[in-house]
Amino acid sequence: EAVEKLLLDEHNSCTIKRGDEIVKINLPNDFSKQIIAAEAKQFAVPRFPFVIDNFALGSIAQKNGMKEGDSIVSINGVITPAFTDFVVEIAKHKSKPITLGYYRNGKEMTSNFTLDENGKIGAVAKNPYLMFKTKKVEYGFFESIPAGISQGVESLVNYVKQFKFVFSKEGASSLGGFGTIGNLFPETWNWQLFWNMTAFLSIILAFMNILPIPALDGGHVMFTLWEIITGKKPGDKFLERAQIVGMVLLFALLIYANGNDLVRWLSGKF
């Protein structure tokens, strides 16, 4: 939620807690556009410790005595409190001997071995979301209705805020067509993600349909309002040409969006 507000409301600063220190960070005016241009799948990821969940077959770490549940905290004396720190540091020691520092049941231990040319220890980190306390909220049938409406309104508001980026260079280049829509859905079946995404796409289509573009319902509403206000109906010839212009705009947008998908596919970004 904080990340959404940071990007969509275009704040010029944010306050974070770094260790025990409260730090204020000033952001550039085009911060949101920079994030879009970077084409990052995630703006930020949570920091979490490297707690071993399981091992790959033939893991060098397992062969040297490490066990599931061990929490890795250092490489050759360099402190790696988070998994991301470990990934950066381990990449510097491919095919080299290392000393891994870790905790097991509150006791600090070390393990010495030589990495292969890939710099992998053959250990899988525990899912970070299993490390943090989460709260599950369940709704009854009647409670789910206002909760669903609230979530739908919030999704619509956030989408409307995002729509302004379409008119920027960064936003236009990030537009996608059918391929992008397909990639929004998970590879494996997840009913919650599937129906959430289906509902979100319905909200997008509903919003797009009321835009004042000829050939869309929003265009018809615009001409109807003109007739109500002025008392004059637009000419049939004008309406016909407006309809053609609207169709051309829609087809151009469709071709452009799917063209972006094709470029991403050819460049290996899909």
C-alpha atoms as a PDB file:
ATOM      1  CA  GLU A   1       0.000   0.000   0.000  1.00  0.00           C
ATOM      2  CA  ALA A   2       2.820   2.409   0.876  1.00  0.00           C
ATOM      3  CA  VAL A   3       4.587   1.605  -2.402  1.00  0.00           C
ATOM      4  CA  GLU A   4       1.395   2.243  -4.413  1.00  0.00           C
ATOM      5  CA  LYS A   5       0.925   5.665  -2.801  1.00  0.00           C
ATOM      6  CA  LEU A   6       4.581   6.501  -3.318  1.00  0.00           C
ATOM      7  CA  LEU A   7       4.394   5.796  -7.054  1.00  0.00           C
ATOM      8  CA  LEU A   8       0.856   6.886  -7.907  1.00  0.00           C
ATOM      9  CA  ASP A   9       0.609  10.035  -5.785  1.00  0.00           C
ATOM     10  CA  GLU A  10       4.082  11.220  -6.878  1.00  0.00           C
ATOM     11  CA  HIS A  11       5.417  12.224  -3.485  1.00  0.00           C
ATOM     12  CA  ASN A  12       8.687  14.158  -3.447  1.00  0.00           C
ATOM     13  CA  SER A  13      10.003  12.409  -0.331  1.00  0.00           C
ATOM     14  CA  CYS A  14       9.521   9.354   1.822  1.00  0.00           C
ATOM     15  CA  THR A  15      10.482   8.397   5.355  1.00  0.00           C
ATOM     16  CA  ILE A  16      12.002   5.017   6.121  1.00  0.00           C
ATOM     17  CA  LYS A  17      13.355   3.181   9.126  1.00  0.00           C
ATOM     18  CA  ARG A  18      16.917   1.992   8.511  1.00  0.00           C
ATOM     19  CA  GLY A  19      17.989  -0.064  11.481  1.00  0.00           C
ATOM     20  CA  ASP A  20      17.199   2.094  14.498  1.00  0.00           C
ATOM     21  CA  GLU A  21      17.445   5.315  12.501  1.00  0.00           C
ATOM     22  CA  ILE A  22      14.572   7.240  10.865  1.00  0.00           C
ATOM     23  CA  VAL A  23      15.728   8.593   7.493  1.00  0.00           C
ATOM     24  CA  LYS A  24      13.997  10.993   5.105  1.00  0.00           C
ATOM     25  CA  ILE A  25      14.785  10.457   1.422  1.00  0.00           C
ATOM     26  CA  ASN A  26      14.110  13.121  -1.198  1.00  0.00           C
ATOM     27  CA  LEU A  27      12.797  11.798  -4.501  1.00  0.00           C
ATOM     28  CA  PRO A  28      13.130  13.320  -8.003  1.00  0.00           C
ATOM     29  CA  ASN A  29      10.022  14.768  -9.626  1.00  0.00           C
ATOM     30  CA  ASP A  30      10.036  12.045 -12.287  1.00  0.00           C
ATOM     31  CA  PHE A  31      10.619   9.181  -9.860  1.00  0.00           C
ATOM     32  CA  SER A  32       7.527   7.253 -10.992  1.00  0.00           C
ATOM     33  CA  LYS A  33       8.512   7.607 -14.646  1.00  0.00           C
ATOM     34  CA  GLN A  34      12.007   6.345 -13.868  1.00  0.00           C
ATOM     35  CA  ILE A  35      10.524   3.222 -12.256  1.00  0.00           C
ATOM     36  CA  ILE A  36       8.330   2.622 -15.321  1.00  0.00           C
ATOM     37  CA  ALA A  37      11.280   3.143 -17.695  1.00  0.00           C
ATOM     38  CA  ALA A  38      13.366   0.627 -15.725  1.00  0.00           C
ATOM     39  CA  GLU A  39      10.767  -2.055 -16.574  1.00  0.00           C
ATOM     40  CA  ALA A  40      11.330  -3.643 -13.170  1.00  0.00           C
ATOM     41  CA  LYS A  41       8.832  -6.329 -12.214  1.00  0.00           C
ATOM     42  CA  GLN A  42       9.019  -5.163  -8.623  1.00  0.00           C
ATOM     43  CA  PHE A  43       9.776  -1.713  -7.258  1.00  0.00           C
ATOM     44  CA  ALA A  44      11.116  -3.140  -4.004  1.00  0.00           C
ATOM     45  CA  VAL A  45      11.485  -6.531  -2.372  1.00  0.00           C
ATOM     46  CA  PRO A  46      11.431  -7.270   1.350  1.00  0.00           C
ATOM     47  CA  ARG A  47      14.762  -7.904   3.047  1.00  0.00           C
ATOM     48  CA  PHE A  48      14.870 -11.247   4.796  1.00  0.00           C
ATOM     49  CA  PRO A  49      17.584 -13.463   6.292  1.00  0.00           C
ATOM     50  CA  PHE A  50      18.955 -16.453   4.399  1.00  0.00           C
ATOM     51  CA  VAL A  51      17.464 -19.334   6.356  1.00  0.00           C
ATOM     52  CA  ILE A  52      18.038 -22.646   4.576  1.00  0.00           C
ATOM     53  CA  ASP A  53      14.779 -24.390   3.699  1.00  0.00           C
ATOM     54  CA  ASN A  54      16.150 -27.330   1.718  1.00  0.00           C
ATOM     55  CA  PHE A  55      19.093 -28.414  -0.405  1.00  0.00           C
ATOM     56  CA  ALA A  56      19.617 -29.179  -4.067  1.00  0.00           C
ATOM     57  CA  LEU A  57      20.847 -32.653  -5.000  1.00  0.00           C
ATOM     58  CA  GLY A  58      24.598 -32.813  -4.416  1.00  0.00           C
ATOM     59  CA  SER A  59      24.667 -29.520  -2.487  1.00  0.00           C
ATOM     60  CA  ILE A  60      28.188 -28.557  -1.475  1.00  0.00           C
ATOM     61  CA  ALA A  61      26.825 -26.812   1.622  1.00  0.00           C
ATOM     62  CA  GLN A  62      25.024 -29.951   2.771  1.00  0.00           C
ATOM     63  CA  LYS A  63      28.108 -32.076   2.122  1.00  0.00           C
ATOM     64  CA  ASN A  64      30.049 -29.786   4.441  1.00  0.00           C
ATOM     65  CA  GLY A  65      27.692 -30.174   7.376  1.00  0.00           C
ATOM     66  CA  MET A  66      25.125 -27.438   6.929  1.00  0.00           C
ATOM     67  CA  LYS A  67      21.508 -28.298   7.775  1.00  0.00           C
ATOM     68  CA  GLU A  68      17.991 -27.068   7.102  1.00  0.00           C
ATOM     69  CA  GLY A  69      17.168 -24.155   9.397  1.00  0.00           C
ATOM     70  CA  ASP A  70      20.722 -22.774   9.445  1.00  0.00           C
ATOM     71  CA  SER A  71      20.734 -18.975   9.088  1.00  0.00           C
ATOM     72  CA  ILE A  72      23.662 -17.677   6.999  1.00  0.00           C
ATOM     73  CA  VAL A  73      25.053 -14.365   8.288  1.00  0.00           C
ATOM     74  CA  SER A  74      28.518 -13.907   6.721  1.00  0.00           C
ATOM     75  CA  ILE A  75      30.905 -14.855   3.903  1.00  0.00           C
ATOM     76  CA  ASN A  76      34.626 -14.629   4.657  1.00  0.00           C
ATOM     77  CA  GLY A  77      33.870 -12.284   7.524  1.00  0.00           C
ATOM     78  CA  VAL A  78      31.680  -9.970   5.414  1.00  0.00           C
ATOM     79  CA  ILE A  79      28.329  -9.578   7.169  1.00  0.00           C
ATOM     80  CA  THR A  80      25.346 -10.630   5.024  1.00  0.00           C
ATOM     81  CA  PRO A  81      22.261 -10.026   7.193  1.00  0.00           C
ATOM     82  CA  ALA A  82      19.852 -10.345   4.268  1.00  0.00           C
ATOM     83  CA  PHE A  83      19.497 -12.820   1.406  1.00  0.00           C
ATOM     84  CA  THR A  84      20.143 -10.055  -1.146  1.00  0.00           C
ATOM     85  CA  ASP A  85      23.428  -9.220   0.622  1.00  0.00           C
ATOM     86  CA  PHE A  86      24.410 -12.897   0.394  1.00  0.00           C
ATOM     87  CA  VAL A  87      23.662 -13.053  -3.361  1.00  0.00           C
ATOM     88  CA  VAL A  88      25.818  -9.987  -4.069  1.00  0.00           C
ATOM     89  CA  GLU A  89      28.718 -11.179  -1.933  1.00  0.00           C
ATOM     90  CA  ILE A  90      28.734 -14.833  -3.043  1.00  0.00           C
ATOM     91  CA  ALA A  91      29.043 -13.738  -6.686  1.00  0.00           C
ATOM     92  CA  LYS A  92      32.525 -12.371  -5.875  1.00  0.00           C
ATOM     93  CA  HIS A  93      33.883 -15.778  -4.852  1.00  0.00           C
ATOM     94  CA  LYS A  94      33.239 -18.127  -7.774  1.00  0.00           C
ATOM     95  CA  SER A  95      35.707 -21.039  -7.791  1.00  0.00           C
ATOM     96  CA  LYS A  96      37.265 -19.727  -4.576  1.00  0.00           C
ATOM     97  CA  PRO A  97      37.460 -21.069  -1.002  1.00  0.00           C
ATOM     98  CA  ILE A  98      35.045 -19.415   1.423  1.00  0.00           C
ATOM     99  CA  THR A  99      34.108 -19.476   5.070  1.00  0.00           C
ATOM    100  CA  LEU A 100      30.361 -19.315   5.678  1.00  0.00           C
ATOM    101  CA  GLY A 101      29.206 -18.011   9.030  1.00  0.00           C
ATOM    102  CA  TYR A 102      25.777 -19.121  10.212  1.00  0.00           C
ATOM    103  CA  TYR A 103      23.607 -19.669  13.260  1.00  0.00           C
ATOM    104  CA  ARG A 104      22.161 -23.010  14.300  1.00  0.00           C
ATOM    105  CA  ASN A 105      19.817 -23.066  17.285  1.00  0.00           C
ATOM    106  CA  GLY A 106      21.281 -19.771  18.487  1.00  0.00           C
ATOM    107  CA  LYS A 107      24.882 -20.997  18.245  1.00  0.00           C
ATOM    108  CA  GLU A 108      27.308 -19.314  15.837  1.00  0.00           C
ATOM    109  CA  MET A 109      29.118 -21.761  13.544  1.00  0.00           C
ATOM    110  CA  THR A 110      31.293 -21.752  10.410  1.00  0.00           C
ATOM    111  CA  SER A 111      31.783 -24.027   7.420  1.00  0.00           C
ATOM    112  CA  ASN A 112      34.696 -23.992   4.968  1.00  0.00           C
ATOM    113  CA  PHE A 113      34.580 -25.170   1.364  1.00  0.00           C
ATOM    114  CA  THR A 114      35.425 -24.136  -2.207  1.00  0.00           C
ATOM    115  CA  LEU A 115      32.716 -22.889  -4.553  1.00  0.00           C
ATOM    116  CA  ASP A 116      32.307 -24.179  -8.092  1.00  0.00           C
ATOM    117  CA  GLU A 117      32.511 -21.973 -11.183  1.00  0.00           C
ATOM    118  CA  ASN A 118      28.845 -20.995 -10.760  1.00  0.00           C
ATOM    119  CA  GLY A 119      29.320 -19.735  -7.223  1.00  0.00           C
ATOM    120  CA  LYS A 120      26.372 -21.761  -5.882  1.00  0.00           C
ATOM    121  CA  ILE A 121      26.141 -23.497  -2.513  1.00  0.00           C
ATOM    122  CA  GLY A 122      23.077 -25.563  -3.470  1.00  0.00           C
ATOM    123  CA  ALA A 123      20.782 -24.266  -0.736  1.00  0.00           C
ATOM    124  CA  VAL A 124      17.249 -22.904  -1.112  1.00  0.00           C
ATOM    125  CA  ALA A 125      16.160 -19.979   1.063  1.00  0.00           C
ATOM    126  CA  LYS A 126      13.041 -20.251   3.152  1.00  0.00           C
ATOM    127  CA  ASN A 127      10.000 -18.391   1.806  1.00  0.00           C
ATOM    128  CA  PRO A 128      10.212 -14.925   3.418  1.00  0.00           C
ATOM    129  CA  TYR A 129       6.450 -14.726   3.821  1.00  0.00           C
ATOM    130  CA  LEU A 130       6.632 -17.721   6.140  1.00  0.00           C
ATOM    131  CA  MET A 131       9.051 -15.836   8.388  1.00  0.00           C
ATOM    132  CA  PHE A 132       6.832 -12.838   9.055  1.00  0.00           C
ATOM    133  CA  LYS A 133       3.620 -12.780  11.001  1.00  0.00           C
ATOM    134  CA  THR A 134       0.585 -12.455   8.766  1.00  0.00           C
ATOM    135  CA  LYS A 135      -3.053 -11.922   9.578  1.00  0.00           C
ATOM    136  CA  LYS A 136      -5.801 -13.752   7.707  1.00  0.00           C
ATOM    137  CA  VAL A 137      -9.105 -11.901   7.464  1.00  0.00           C
ATOM    138  CA  GLU A 138     -12.176 -13.944   6.559  1.00  0.00           C
ATOM    139  CA  TYR A 139     -15.534 -12.501   5.466  1.00  0.00           C
ATOM    140  CA  GLY A 140     -18.968 -14.007   5.641  1.00  0.00           C
ATOM    141  CA  PHE A 141     -21.349 -13.731   2.670  1.00  0.00           C
ATOM    142  CA  PHE A 142     -22.871 -10.376   3.687  1.00  0.00           C
ATOM    143  CA  GLU A 143     -19.536  -8.983   4.921  1.00  0.00           C
ATOM    144  CA  SER A 144     -17.869  -9.870   1.620  1.00  0.00           C
ATOM    145  CA  ILE A 145     -20.132  -7.553  -0.402  1.00  0.00           C
ATOM    146  CA  PRO A 146     -18.994  -4.194   1.088  1.00  0.00           C
ATOM    147  CA  ALA A 147     -15.413  -5.524   1.290  1.00  0.00           C
ATOM    148  CA  GLY A 148     -15.508  -6.411  -2.415  1.00  0.00           C
ATOM    149  CA  ILE A 149     -16.991  -3.042  -3.353  1.00  0.00           C
ATOM    150  CA  SER A 150     -14.306  -1.267  -1.340  1.00  0.00           C
ATOM    151  CA  GLN A 151     -11.557  -3.240  -3.074  1.00  0.00           C
ATOM    152  CA  GLY A 152     -13.113  -2.593  -6.477  1.00  0.00           C
ATOM    153  CA  VAL A 153     -13.326   1.166  -5.877  1.00  0.00           C
ATOM    154  CA  GLU A 154      -9.724   1.219  -4.654  1.00  0.00           C
ATOM    155  CA  SER A 155      -8.568  -0.671  -7.776  1.00  0.00           C
ATOM    156  CA  LEU A 156     -10.460   1.755 -10.030  1.00  0.00           C
ATOM    157  CA  VAL A 157      -9.007   4.815  -8.290  1.00  0.00           C
ATOM    158  CA  ASN A 158      -5.470   3.421  -8.542  1.00  0.00           C
ATOM    159  CA  TYR A 159      -5.953   2.610 -12.232  1.00  0.00           C
ATOM    160  CA  VAL A 160      -7.235   6.111 -12.968  1.00  0.00           C
ATOM    161  CA  LYS A 161      -4.122   7.492 -11.241  1.00  0.00           C
ATOM    162  CA  GLN A 162      -1.945   5.259 -13.408  1.00  0.00           C
ATOM    163  CA  PHE A 163      -3.694   6.326 -16.609  1.00  0.00           C
ATOM    164  CA  LYS A 164      -1.861   9.669 -16.659  1.00  0.00           C
ATOM    165  CA  PHE A 165       1.396   7.816 -17.386  1.00  0.00           C
ATOM    166  CA  VAL A 166      -0.010   6.649 -20.739  1.00  0.00           C
ATOM    167  CA  PHE A 167       0.603  10.166 -22.039  1.00  0.00           C
ATOM    168  CA  SER A 168       4.291  10.075 -21.095  1.00  0.00           C
ATOM    169  CA  LYS A 169       7.120   8.527 -23.128  1.00  0.00           C
ATOM    170  CA  GLU A 170       7.864   6.003 -20.376  1.00  0.00           C
ATOM    171  CA  GLY A 171       4.233   5.005 -19.934  1.00  0.00           C
ATOM    172  CA  ALA A 172       3.547   4.674 -23.655  1.00  0.00           C
ATOM    173  CA  SER A 173       6.539   2.345 -24.094  1.00  0.00           C
ATOM    174  CA  SER A 174       5.238   0.108 -21.294  1.00  0.00           C
ATOM    175  CA  LEU A 175       1.821  -0.435 -22.914  1.00  0.00           C
ATOM    176  CA  GLY A 176       1.087  -4.046 -23.726  1.00  0.00           C
ATOM    177  CA  GLY A 177      -1.460  -6.105 -25.611  1.00  0.00           C
ATOM    178  CA  PHE A 178      -2.709  -9.666 -25.413  1.00  0.00           C
ATOM    179  CA  GLY A 179       0.710 -11.057 -24.490  1.00  0.00           C
ATOM    180  CA  THR A 180       1.057  -8.701 -21.545  1.00  0.00           C
ATOM    181  CA  ILE A 181      -2.459  -9.535 -20.377  1.00  0.00           C
ATOM    182  CA  GLY A 182      -1.652 -13.240 -20.553  1.00  0.00           C
ATOM    183  CA  ASN A 183       1.499 -12.733 -18.482  1.00  0.00           C
ATOM    184  CA  LEU A 184      -0.544 -11.129 -15.713  1.00  0.00           C
ATOM    185  CA  PHE A 185      -2.007 -14.520 -14.877  1.00  0.00           C
ATOM    186  CA  PRO A 186       0.038 -17.055 -12.885  1.00  0.00           C
ATOM    187  CA  GLU A 187       1.549 -20.082 -14.632  1.00  0.00           C
ATOM    188  CA  THR A 188      -0.150 -22.438 -12.197  1.00  0.00           C
ATOM    189  CA  TRP A 189      -3.784 -22.288 -11.160  1.00  0.00           C
ATOM    190  CA  ASN A 190      -4.501 -19.944  -8.271  1.00  0.00           C
ATOM    191  CA  TRP A 191      -8.191 -19.175  -7.937  1.00  0.00           C
ATOM    192  CA  GLN A 192      -7.705 -15.994  -5.922  1.00  0.00           C
ATOM    193  CA  LEU A 193      -5.169 -14.450  -8.307  1.00  0.00           C
ATOM    194  CA  PHE A 194      -7.221 -15.562 -11.324  1.00  0.00           C
ATOM    195  CA  TRP A 195     -10.477 -13.981 -10.183  1.00  0.00           C
ATOM    196  CA  ASN A 196      -8.730 -10.875  -8.832  1.00  0.00           C
ATOM    197  CA  MET A 197      -7.076 -10.340 -12.215  1.00  0.00           C
ATOM    198  CA  THR A 198     -10.308 -11.084 -14.090  1.00  0.00           C
ATOM    199  CA  ALA A 199     -12.143  -8.498 -11.973  1.00  0.00           C
ATOM    200  CA  PHE A 200      -9.326  -5.985 -12.472  1.00  0.00           C
ATOM    201  CA  LEU A 201      -9.459  -6.403 -16.256  1.00  0.00           C
ATOM    202  CA  SER A 202     -13.238  -5.852 -16.114  1.00  0.00           C
ATOM    203  CA  ILE A 203     -12.650  -2.601 -14.214  1.00  0.00           C
ATOM    204  CA  ILE A 204     -10.088  -1.500 -16.804  1.00  0.00           C
ATOM    205  CA  LEU A 205     -12.458  -2.205 -19.695  1.00  0.00           C
ATOM    206  CA  ALA A 206     -15.316  -0.388 -17.945  1.00  0.00           C
ATOM    207  CA  PHE A 207     -13.146   2.693 -17.406  1.00  0.00           C
ATOM    208  CA  MET A 208     -11.790   2.646 -20.962  1.00  0.00           C
ATOM    209  CA  ASN A 209     -15.322   2.354 -22.328  1.00  0.00           C
ATOM    210  CA  ILE A 210     -16.438   5.655 -20.749  1.00  0.00           C
ATOM    211  CA  LEU A 211     -13.553   7.655 -22.217  1.00  0.00           C
ATOM    212  CA  PRO A 212     -14.870  10.403 -24.547  1.00  0.00           C
ATOM    213  CA  ILE A 213     -13.640   8.665 -27.693  1.00  0.00           C
ATOM    214  CA  PRO A 214     -15.993   8.212 -30.649  1.00  0.00           C
ATOM    215  CA  ALA A 215     -16.888   4.520 -31.189  1.00  0.00           C
ATOM    216  CA  LEU A 216     -16.918   3.977 -27.418  1.00  0.00           C
ATOM    217  CA  ASP A 217     -19.883   4.503 -25.095  1.00  0.00           C
ATOM    218  CA  GLY A 218     -18.094   7.528 -23.682  1.00  0.00           C
ATOM    219  CA  GLY A 219     -18.144   9.109 -27.128  1.00  0.00           C
ATOM    220  CA  HIS A 220     -21.896   8.541 -27.483  1.00  0.00           C
ATOM    221  CA  VAL A 221     -22.433  10.080 -24.036  1.00  0.00           C
ATOM    222  CA  MET A 222     -20.374  13.087 -25.078  1.00  0.00           C
ATOM    223  CA  PHE A 223     -22.491  13.699 -28.191  1.00  0.00           C
ATOM    224  CA  THR A 224     -25.715  13.127 -26.218  1.00  0.00           C
ATOM    225  CA  LEU A 225     -24.644  15.711 -23.627  1.00  0.00           C
ATOM    226  CA  TRP A 226     -23.876  18.150 -26.450  1.00  0.00           C
ATOM    227  CA  GLU A 227     -27.385  17.656 -27.814  1.00  0.00           C
ATOM    228  CA  ILE A 228     -28.938  18.131 -24.334  1.00  0.00           C
ATOM    229  CA  ILE A 229     -26.961  21.312 -23.620  1.00  0.00           C
ATOM    230  CA  THR A 230     -27.237  22.971 -27.034  1.00  0.00           C
ATOM    231  CA  GLY A 231     -30.556  21.495 -28.152  1.00  0.00           C
ATOM    232  CA  LYS A 232     -28.948  20.625 -31.470  1.00  0.00           C
ATOM    233  CA  LYS A 233     -28.187  17.124 -32.662  1.00  0.00           C
ATOM    234  CA  PRO A 234     -24.793  16.659 -34.358  1.00  0.00           C
ATOM    235  CA  GLY A 235     -25.140  16.022 -38.072  1.00  0.00           C
ATOM    236  CA  ASP A 236     -25.183  12.454 -39.345  1.00  0.00           C
ATOM    237  CA  LYS A 237     -22.162  13.139 -41.552  1.00  0.00           C
ATOM    238  CA  PHE A 238     -20.220  14.486 -38.559  1.00  0.00           C
ATOM    239  CA  LEU A 239     -21.174  11.480 -36.414  1.00  0.00           C
ATOM    240  CA  GLU A 240     -20.124   9.105 -39.186  1.00  0.00           C
ATOM    241  CA  ARG A 241     -16.714  10.761 -39.549  1.00  0.00           C
ATOM    242  CA  ALA A 242     -16.269  10.878 -35.762  1.00  0.00           C
ATOM    243  CA  GLN A 243     -17.038   7.153 -35.645  1.00  0.00           C
ATOM    244  CA  ILE A 244     -14.369   6.482 -38.258  1.00  0.00           C
ATOM    245  CA  VAL A 245     -11.811   8.604 -36.370  1.00  0.00           C
ATOM    246  CA  GLY A 246     -12.624   6.744 -33.159  1.00  0.00           C
ATOM    247  CA  MET A 247     -12.188   3.351 -34.826  1.00  0.00           C
ATOM    248  CA  VAL A 248      -8.859   4.419 -36.322  1.00  0.00           C
ATOM    249  CA  LEU A 249      -7.635   5.555 -32.895  1.00  0.00           C
ATOM    250  CA  LEU A 250      -8.694   2.287 -31.272  1.00  0.00           C
ATOM    251  CA  PHE A 251      -7.087   0.122 -33.950  1.00  0.00           C
ATOM    252  CA  ALA A 252      -3.914   2.211 -33.814  1.00  0.00           C
ATOM    253  CA  LEU A 253      -3.751   1.733 -30.037  1.00  0.00           C
ATOM    254  CA  LEU A 254      -4.366  -2.013 -30.435  1.00  0.00           C
ATOM    255  CA  ILE A 255      -1.616  -2.353 -33.044  1.00  0.00           C
ATOM    256  CA  TYR A 256       0.816  -0.242 -30.998  1.00  0.00           C
ATOM    257  CA  ALA A 257       0.225  -2.183 -27.769  1.00  0.00           C
ATOM    258  CA  ASN A 258       0.613  -5.588 -29.422  1.00  0.00           C
ATOM    259  CA  GLY A 259       3.596  -4.243 -31.369  1.00  0.00           C
ATOM    260  CA  ASN A 260       5.253  -3.509 -28.015  1.00  0.00           C
ATOM    261  CA  ASP A 261       4.569  -7.119 -27.009  1.00  0.00           C
ATOM    262  CA  LEU A 262       6.185  -8.356 -30.221  1.00  0.00           C
ATOM    263  CA  VAL A 263       9.294  -6.222 -29.610  1.00  0.00           C
ATOM    264  CA  ARG A 264       9.553  -7.537 -26.034  1.00  0.00           C
ATOM    265  CA  TRP A 265       9.192 -11.112 -27.263  1.00  0.00           C
ATOM    266  CA  LEU A 266      11.887 -10.677 -29.917  1.00  0.00           C
ATOM    267  CA  SER A 267      14.212  -9.081 -27.354  1.00  0.00           C
ATOM    268  CA  GLY A 268      13.630 -11.881 -24.852  1.00  0.00           C
ATOM    269  CA  LYS A 269      11.834  -9.749 -22.257  1.00  0.00           C
ATOM    270  CA  PHE A 270       8.773 -12.014 -22.137  1.00  0.00           C
END
